[in-house]
Amino acid sequence: MLMRVLCATALTASLSMAAFTANAPDDARITLVYDQPLPNVPGKSIRGVLVEYAPGGTSSAHVHPSSAFIYATVLAGAIRSQVNNGPVKTYREGESFSEFPGDRHRVSENASATEPARLLAVFVVDTQETILTRPIK
C-alpha cells in the first residue's frame, strides 16, 4: 500500500529534487514525492524525499537545513548510515532512523554491492528552505 501511495505521489508531483540540493549525491537518484505546508504550524512544511541507490551507491557526507527534523525509513534493500560521530549502522527494509537539526550525515550508502536500495526521508522543515542537502566541507 505504501509503495502505491509513493508511486502515485511521485507521478502526480513529477518534481525534480535538483532545486533542493546544493550538490547532487554521488550515486543516488533523488525525487521529491511530497511537499505540503503544515497548516497548523505556520512557516513549516513536510517534504517526502525518495532516495534510490544503485548497487554500491553512495552519497557524500552532508548536512540538512538547521530547521530540519528528518525521519527516514528503508523501503527496499539495506542502507548503511552514520549520523554525527555515532556508529555506522545498517538499516534494513522496514527499519527507520532520525536526524535532528544540526546533525551531520557522514555515511549514507547502499549496504549491498549487488542489490538496489531505497529509502523515504520525511522532512519537517522551514517552508522557505530551498536546499535540503549541503555537502560537508
N, C-alpha and C. Protein backbone atom coordinates (compact mmCIF):
# COMPACT_ATOMS: atom_id res chain seq x y z
N MET A 1 0.82 -1.19 0.00
CA MET A 1 0.00 0.00 0.00
C MET A 1 0.87 1.26 0.00
N LEU A 2 1.90 1.28 0.87
CA LEU A 2 2.80 2.43 0.95
C LEU A 2 3.45 2.70 -0.41
N MET A 3 3.89 1.63 -1.07
CA MET A 3 4.54 1.83 -2.37
C MET A 3 3.57 2.40 -3.40
N ARG A 4 2.31 1.99 -3.36
CA ARG A 4 1.32 2.55 -4.29
C ARG A 4 1.14 4.04 -4.05
N VAL A 5 1.06 4.42 -2.77
CA VAL A 5 0.91 5.83 -2.43
C VAL A 5 2.13 6.61 -2.90
N LEU A 6 3.33 6.06 -2.64
CA LEU A 6 4.55 6.74 -3.07
C LEU A 6 4.60 6.90 -4.58
N CYS A 7 4.27 5.83 -5.29
CA CYS A 7 4.31 5.89 -6.76
C CYS A 7 3.30 6.90 -7.28
N ALA A 8 2.10 6.89 -6.74
CA ALA A 8 1.07 7.83 -7.18
C ALA A 8 1.49 9.26 -6.88
N THR A 9 2.04 9.47 -5.70
CA THR A 9 2.50 10.81 -5.33
C THR A 9 3.62 11.25 -6.25
N ALA A 10 4.56 10.35 -6.53
CA ALA A 10 5.68 10.69 -7.40
C ALA A 10 5.19 11.04 -8.80
N LEU A 11 4.23 10.29 -9.30
CA LEU A 11 3.72 10.55 -10.65
C LEU A 11 2.97 11.87 -10.71
N THR A 12 2.17 12.16 -9.70
CA THR A 12 1.41 13.41 -9.75
C THR A 12 2.28 14.61 -9.46
N ALA A 13 3.25 14.44 -8.58
CA ALA A 13 4.12 15.57 -8.24
C ALA A 13 5.07 15.88 -9.38
N SER A 14 5.71 14.85 -9.93
CA SER A 14 6.68 15.00 -11.02
C SER A 14 7.65 16.15 -10.78
N LEU A 15 8.11 16.25 -9.55
CA LEU A 15 9.01 17.34 -9.18
C LEU A 15 10.44 16.84 -9.15
N SER A 16 11.36 17.68 -9.56
CA SER A 16 12.77 17.34 -9.52
C SER A 16 13.37 17.80 -8.20
N MET A 17 14.23 17.00 -7.65
CA MET A 17 14.91 17.37 -6.41
C MET A 17 16.08 18.31 -6.68
N ALA A 18 16.40 18.57 -7.92
CA ALA A 18 17.58 19.38 -8.25
C ALA A 18 17.55 20.74 -7.55
N ALA A 19 16.40 21.34 -7.44
CA ALA A 19 16.31 22.65 -6.80
C ALA A 19 16.54 22.57 -5.30
N PHE A 20 16.50 21.38 -4.73
CA PHE A 20 16.60 21.23 -3.28
C PHE A 20 17.96 20.73 -2.83
N THR A 21 18.90 20.52 -3.74
CA THR A 21 20.22 20.05 -3.34
C THR A 21 21.29 21.01 -3.83
N ALA A 22 22.25 21.31 -2.99
CA ALA A 22 23.34 22.19 -3.40
C ALA A 22 24.26 21.44 -4.35
N ASN A 23 24.53 20.19 -4.05
CA ASN A 23 25.30 19.30 -4.92
C ASN A 23 24.59 17.96 -4.90
N ALA A 24 24.36 17.38 -6.05
CA ALA A 24 23.67 16.10 -6.10
C ALA A 24 24.51 15.02 -5.43
N PRO A 25 23.86 14.10 -4.70
CA PRO A 25 24.61 12.99 -4.12
C PRO A 25 25.34 12.21 -5.22
N ASP A 26 26.39 11.52 -4.83
CA ASP A 26 27.26 10.86 -5.79
C ASP A 26 26.53 9.84 -6.66
N ASP A 27 25.89 8.86 -6.05
CA ASP A 27 25.27 7.76 -6.79
C ASP A 27 23.80 7.57 -6.44
N ALA A 28 23.14 8.58 -6.01
CA ALA A 28 21.75 8.45 -5.57
C ALA A 28 20.83 9.19 -6.54
N ARG A 29 19.67 8.60 -6.76
CA ARG A 29 18.62 9.30 -7.51
C ARG A 29 17.65 9.85 -6.46
N ILE A 30 17.42 11.15 -6.50
CA ILE A 30 16.62 11.85 -5.51
C ILE A 30 15.35 12.36 -6.17
N THR A 31 14.20 12.07 -5.56
CA THR A 31 12.92 12.52 -6.10
C THR A 31 12.08 13.11 -4.98
N LEU A 32 11.66 14.35 -5.13
CA LEU A 32 10.73 14.95 -4.18
C LEU A 32 9.35 14.38 -4.50
N VAL A 33 8.76 13.65 -3.55
CA VAL A 33 7.48 12.99 -3.81
C VAL A 33 6.32 13.65 -3.07
N TYR A 34 6.65 14.56 -2.17
CA TYR A 34 5.59 15.22 -1.40
C TYR A 34 6.12 16.53 -0.86
N ASP A 35 5.32 17.59 -0.95
CA ASP A 35 5.69 18.90 -0.42
C ASP A 35 4.41 19.62 -0.04
N GLN A 36 4.21 19.79 1.27
CA GLN A 36 2.96 20.38 1.74
C GLN A 36 3.21 21.27 2.95
N PRO A 37 2.79 22.53 2.90
CA PRO A 37 2.87 23.36 4.11
C PRO A 37 2.00 22.74 5.22
N LEU A 38 2.46 22.89 6.45
CA LEU A 38 1.69 22.40 7.60
C LEU A 38 0.76 23.52 8.05
N PRO A 39 -0.55 23.38 7.84
CA PRO A 39 -1.46 24.48 8.14
C PRO A 39 -1.52 24.84 9.62
N ASN A 40 -1.22 23.90 10.50
CA ASN A 40 -1.29 24.19 11.93
C ASN A 40 0.07 24.58 12.53
N VAL A 41 1.10 24.66 11.68
CA VAL A 41 2.43 25.09 12.12
C VAL A 41 2.94 26.11 11.09
N PRO A 42 2.55 27.37 11.23
CA PRO A 42 2.93 28.38 10.24
C PRO A 42 4.44 28.42 10.02
N GLY A 43 4.80 28.50 8.75
CA GLY A 43 6.21 28.59 8.37
C GLY A 43 6.91 27.25 8.22
N LYS A 44 6.22 26.15 8.48
CA LYS A 44 6.81 24.81 8.37
C LYS A 44 6.11 24.02 7.27
N SER A 45 6.89 23.12 6.64
CA SER A 45 6.35 22.22 5.61
C SER A 45 6.83 20.81 5.90
N ILE A 46 6.13 19.86 5.32
CA ILE A 46 6.55 18.46 5.35
C ILE A 46 6.89 18.08 3.92
N ARG A 47 8.06 17.47 3.75
CA ARG A 47 8.51 17.07 2.41
C ARG A 47 8.96 15.62 2.46
N GLY A 48 8.50 14.86 1.50
CA GLY A 48 8.93 13.47 1.37
C GLY A 48 9.91 13.36 0.22
N VAL A 49 11.07 12.76 0.50
CA VAL A 49 12.13 12.63 -0.49
C VAL A 49 12.47 11.15 -0.65
N LEU A 50 12.32 10.64 -1.86
CA LEU A 50 12.68 9.26 -2.16
C LEU A 50 14.13 9.23 -2.61
N VAL A 51 14.95 8.42 -1.94
CA VAL A 51 16.37 8.28 -2.27
C VAL A 51 16.58 6.86 -2.76
N GLU A 52 17.08 6.73 -3.99
CA GLU A 52 17.30 5.42 -4.58
C GLU A 52 18.78 5.24 -4.90
N TYR A 53 19.34 4.15 -4.37
CA TYR A 53 20.74 3.83 -4.60
C TYR A 53 20.86 2.61 -5.51
N ALA A 54 21.70 2.70 -6.50
CA ALA A 54 22.07 1.54 -7.29
C ALA A 54 22.96 0.66 -6.42
N PRO A 55 23.21 -0.58 -6.82
CA PRO A 55 24.13 -1.41 -6.05
C PRO A 55 25.46 -0.69 -5.84
N GLY A 56 25.92 -0.66 -4.59
CA GLY A 56 27.18 0.00 -4.27
C GLY A 56 27.10 1.52 -4.23
N GLY A 57 25.92 2.10 -4.43
CA GLY A 57 25.77 3.56 -4.50
C GLY A 57 26.00 4.24 -3.17
N THR A 58 26.50 5.47 -3.23
CA THR A 58 26.79 6.25 -2.03
C THR A 58 26.38 7.70 -2.21
N SER A 59 26.28 8.41 -1.10
CA SER A 59 26.12 9.86 -1.09
C SER A 59 27.28 10.44 -0.31
N SER A 60 27.72 11.61 -0.69
CA SER A 60 28.77 12.30 0.05
C SER A 60 28.27 12.69 1.43
N ALA A 61 29.20 12.88 2.37
CA ALA A 61 28.84 13.38 3.69
C ALA A 61 28.11 14.72 3.52
N HIS A 62 27.05 14.92 4.30
CA HIS A 62 26.23 16.11 4.10
C HIS A 62 25.52 16.54 5.39
N VAL A 63 24.95 17.73 5.32
CA VAL A 63 24.10 18.27 6.37
C VAL A 63 22.79 18.72 5.73
N HIS A 64 21.79 18.90 6.58
CA HIS A 64 20.48 19.39 6.14
C HIS A 64 20.23 20.75 6.80
N PRO A 65 19.21 21.47 6.40
CA PRO A 65 18.95 22.78 7.00
C PRO A 65 18.87 22.70 8.53
N SER A 66 19.25 23.78 9.18
CA SER A 66 19.25 23.80 10.65
C SER A 66 17.83 23.69 11.22
N SER A 67 16.82 23.85 10.39
CA SER A 67 15.43 23.71 10.85
C SER A 67 14.88 22.30 10.63
N ALA A 68 15.65 21.42 10.00
CA ALA A 68 15.11 20.13 9.54
C ALA A 68 15.11 19.04 10.61
N PHE A 69 13.94 18.43 10.78
CA PHE A 69 13.79 17.18 11.51
C PHE A 69 13.51 16.14 10.43
N ILE A 70 14.22 15.01 10.45
CA ILE A 70 14.10 14.02 9.37
C ILE A 70 13.84 12.65 9.98
N TYR A 71 12.88 11.95 9.38
CA TYR A 71 12.58 10.57 9.75
C TYR A 71 12.71 9.75 8.47
N ALA A 72 13.67 8.82 8.44
CA ALA A 72 13.95 8.04 7.23
C ALA A 72 13.57 6.58 7.46
N THR A 73 12.90 5.99 6.47
CA THR A 73 12.51 4.58 6.51
C THR A 73 13.05 3.88 5.27
N VAL A 74 13.70 2.75 5.47
CA VAL A 74 14.21 1.96 4.35
C VAL A 74 13.03 1.21 3.72
N LEU A 75 12.83 1.44 2.43
CA LEU A 75 11.72 0.80 1.71
C LEU A 75 12.14 -0.50 1.04
N ALA A 76 13.40 -0.60 0.65
CA ALA A 76 13.91 -1.80 -0.03
C ALA A 76 15.40 -1.89 0.18
N GLY A 77 15.90 -3.10 0.33
CA GLY A 77 17.33 -3.30 0.48
C GLY A 77 17.81 -2.94 1.86
N ALA A 78 19.05 -2.47 1.92
CA ALA A 78 19.67 -2.09 3.20
C ALA A 78 20.52 -0.85 2.99
N ILE A 79 20.48 0.06 3.96
CA ILE A 79 21.20 1.32 3.91
C ILE A 79 22.17 1.37 5.07
N ARG A 80 23.41 1.72 4.79
CA ARG A 80 24.40 1.94 5.83
C ARG A 80 24.43 3.44 6.10
N SER A 81 24.38 3.81 7.40
CA SER A 81 24.26 5.22 7.76
C SER A 81 25.07 5.52 9.01
N GLN A 82 25.64 6.73 9.04
CA GLN A 82 26.29 7.24 10.25
C GLN A 82 25.87 8.69 10.41
N VAL A 83 25.32 9.00 11.58
CA VAL A 83 24.93 10.37 11.90
C VAL A 83 25.86 10.86 13.01
N ASN A 84 26.42 12.05 12.79
CA ASN A 84 27.40 12.63 13.71
C ASN A 84 28.55 11.67 13.91
N ASN A 85 28.99 11.47 15.13
CA ASN A 85 30.10 10.57 15.39
C ASN A 85 29.63 9.23 15.95
N GLY A 86 28.36 8.92 15.73
CA GLY A 86 27.81 7.66 16.18
C GLY A 86 28.36 6.51 15.35
N PRO A 87 27.97 5.29 15.70
CA PRO A 87 28.45 4.13 14.95
C PRO A 87 27.82 4.08 13.56
N VAL A 88 28.51 3.44 12.63
CA VAL A 88 27.92 3.17 11.32
C VAL A 88 26.97 2.00 11.53
N LYS A 89 25.70 2.21 11.16
CA LYS A 89 24.67 1.18 11.35
C LYS A 89 24.08 0.80 10.00
N THR A 90 23.63 -0.44 9.91
CA THR A 90 22.92 -0.89 8.71
C THR A 90 21.45 -1.03 9.04
N TYR A 91 20.62 -0.36 8.25
CA TYR A 91 19.17 -0.40 8.41
C TYR A 91 18.59 -1.19 7.25
N ARG A 92 17.73 -2.13 7.55
CA ARG A 92 17.13 -3.00 6.54
C ARG A 92 15.69 -2.58 6.27
N GLU A 93 15.12 -3.14 5.23
CA GLU A 93 13.75 -2.83 4.84
C GLU A 93 12.83 -2.80 6.06
N GLY A 94 12.09 -1.68 6.20
CA GLY A 94 11.15 -1.52 7.30
C GLY A 94 11.74 -0.84 8.53
N GLU A 95 13.05 -0.70 8.60
CA GLU A 95 13.69 -0.04 9.74
C GLU A 95 13.84 1.46 9.46
N SER A 96 13.93 2.23 10.54
CA SER A 96 13.96 3.69 10.42
C SER A 96 15.04 4.30 11.30
N PHE A 97 15.39 5.55 10.97
CA PHE A 97 16.28 6.34 11.81
C PHE A 97 15.89 7.80 11.68
N SER A 98 16.38 8.61 12.62
CA SER A 98 16.05 10.03 12.64
C SER A 98 17.32 10.88 12.56
N GLU A 99 17.13 12.10 12.07
CA GLU A 99 18.18 13.12 12.11
C GLU A 99 17.53 14.39 12.66
N PHE A 100 18.32 15.12 13.44
CA PHE A 100 17.80 16.32 14.09
C PHE A 100 18.56 17.54 13.60
N PRO A 101 18.04 18.75 13.85
CA PRO A 101 18.72 19.96 13.41
C PRO A 101 20.18 19.96 13.85
N GLY A 102 21.06 20.27 12.90
CA GLY A 102 22.49 20.34 13.18
C GLY A 102 23.24 19.03 13.03
N ASP A 103 22.52 17.91 12.85
CA ASP A 103 23.20 16.63 12.67
C ASP A 103 24.01 16.62 11.39
N ARG A 104 25.09 15.85 11.40
CA ARG A 104 25.94 15.67 10.23
C ARG A 104 25.80 14.22 9.77
N HIS A 105 25.37 14.04 8.54
CA HIS A 105 25.18 12.69 8.00
C HIS A 105 26.46 12.30 7.27
N ARG A 106 27.33 11.60 7.99
CA ARG A 106 28.67 11.30 7.49
C ARG A 106 28.71 10.14 6.51
N VAL A 107 27.84 9.13 6.72
CA VAL A 107 27.80 7.96 5.82
C VAL A 107 26.35 7.75 5.42
N SER A 108 26.10 7.61 4.13
CA SER A 108 24.79 7.25 3.60
C SER A 108 25.05 6.48 2.31
N GLU A 109 24.78 5.17 2.36
CA GLU A 109 25.14 4.36 1.20
C GLU A 109 24.35 3.06 1.19
N ASN A 110 24.29 2.47 0.01
CA ASN A 110 23.70 1.15 -0.15
C ASN A 110 24.64 0.15 0.52
N ALA A 111 24.09 -0.71 1.37
CA ALA A 111 24.91 -1.72 2.05
C ALA A 111 25.25 -2.89 1.15
N SER A 112 24.64 -2.95 -0.03
CA SER A 112 24.86 -4.08 -0.94
C SER A 112 25.57 -3.64 -2.22
N ALA A 113 26.48 -4.46 -2.68
CA ALA A 113 27.15 -4.21 -3.96
C ALA A 113 26.40 -4.85 -5.11
N THR A 114 25.32 -5.62 -4.82
CA THR A 114 24.61 -6.34 -5.88
C THR A 114 23.12 -6.02 -5.99
N GLU A 115 22.52 -5.45 -4.94
CA GLU A 115 21.09 -5.15 -4.95
C GLU A 115 20.85 -3.64 -4.77
N PRO A 116 19.81 -3.10 -5.41
CA PRO A 116 19.49 -1.68 -5.19
C PRO A 116 18.88 -1.48 -3.79
N ALA A 117 18.81 -0.23 -3.36
CA ALA A 117 18.20 0.12 -2.07
C ALA A 117 17.44 1.43 -2.22
N ARG A 118 16.34 1.57 -1.44
CA ARG A 118 15.52 2.79 -1.47
C ARG A 118 15.16 3.18 -0.05
N LEU A 119 15.12 4.48 0.19
CA LEU A 119 14.59 4.97 1.46
C LEU A 119 13.73 6.20 1.22
N LEU A 120 12.80 6.41 2.14
CA LEU A 120 11.97 7.60 2.12
C LEU A 120 12.38 8.45 3.30
N ALA A 121 12.82 9.68 3.02
CA ALA A 121 13.18 10.64 4.07
C ALA A 121 12.06 11.67 4.15
N VAL A 122 11.46 11.79 5.32
CA VAL A 122 10.39 12.76 5.55
C VAL A 122 10.97 13.91 6.37
N PHE A 123 10.94 15.10 5.78
CA PHE A 123 11.48 16.30 6.40
C PHE A 123 10.35 17.14 6.97
N VAL A 124 10.51 17.66 8.17
CA VAL A 124 9.72 18.79 8.66
C VAL A 124 10.74 19.92 8.71
N VAL A 125 10.48 20.95 7.91
CA VAL A 125 11.50 21.97 7.66
C VAL A 125 10.83 23.32 7.45
N ASP A 126 11.61 24.40 7.66
CA ASP A 126 11.08 25.73 7.36
C ASP A 126 10.65 25.78 5.89
N THR A 127 9.47 26.31 5.64
CA THR A 127 8.90 26.33 4.29
C THR A 127 9.80 27.03 3.29
N GLN A 128 10.50 28.09 3.68
CA GLN A 128 11.32 28.85 2.74
C GLN A 128 12.61 28.14 2.36
N GLU A 129 12.97 27.04 3.02
CA GLU A 129 14.19 26.31 2.67
C GLU A 129 14.10 25.78 1.25
N THR A 130 15.08 26.09 0.43
CA THR A 130 15.09 25.59 -0.94
C THR A 130 16.17 24.56 -1.18
N ILE A 131 17.14 24.49 -0.27
CA ILE A 131 18.20 23.50 -0.40
C ILE A 131 18.12 22.57 0.80
N LEU A 132 17.85 21.30 0.56
CA LEU A 132 17.68 20.35 1.64
C LEU A 132 18.94 19.57 1.98
N THR A 133 19.95 19.61 1.11
CA THR A 133 21.19 18.88 1.35
C THR A 133 22.37 19.73 0.92
N ARG A 134 23.36 19.84 1.82
CA ARG A 134 24.60 20.54 1.51
C ARG A 134 25.77 19.63 1.86
N PRO A 135 26.79 19.58 1.01
CA PRO A 135 27.94 18.74 1.34
C PRO A 135 28.69 19.28 2.56
N ILE A 136 29.28 18.37 3.31
CA ILE A 136 30.14 18.78 4.42
C ILE A 136 31.49 19.14 3.83
N LYS A 137 31.98 20.30 4.19
CA LYS A 137 33.26 20.78 3.63
C LYS A 137 34.41 20.40 4.51
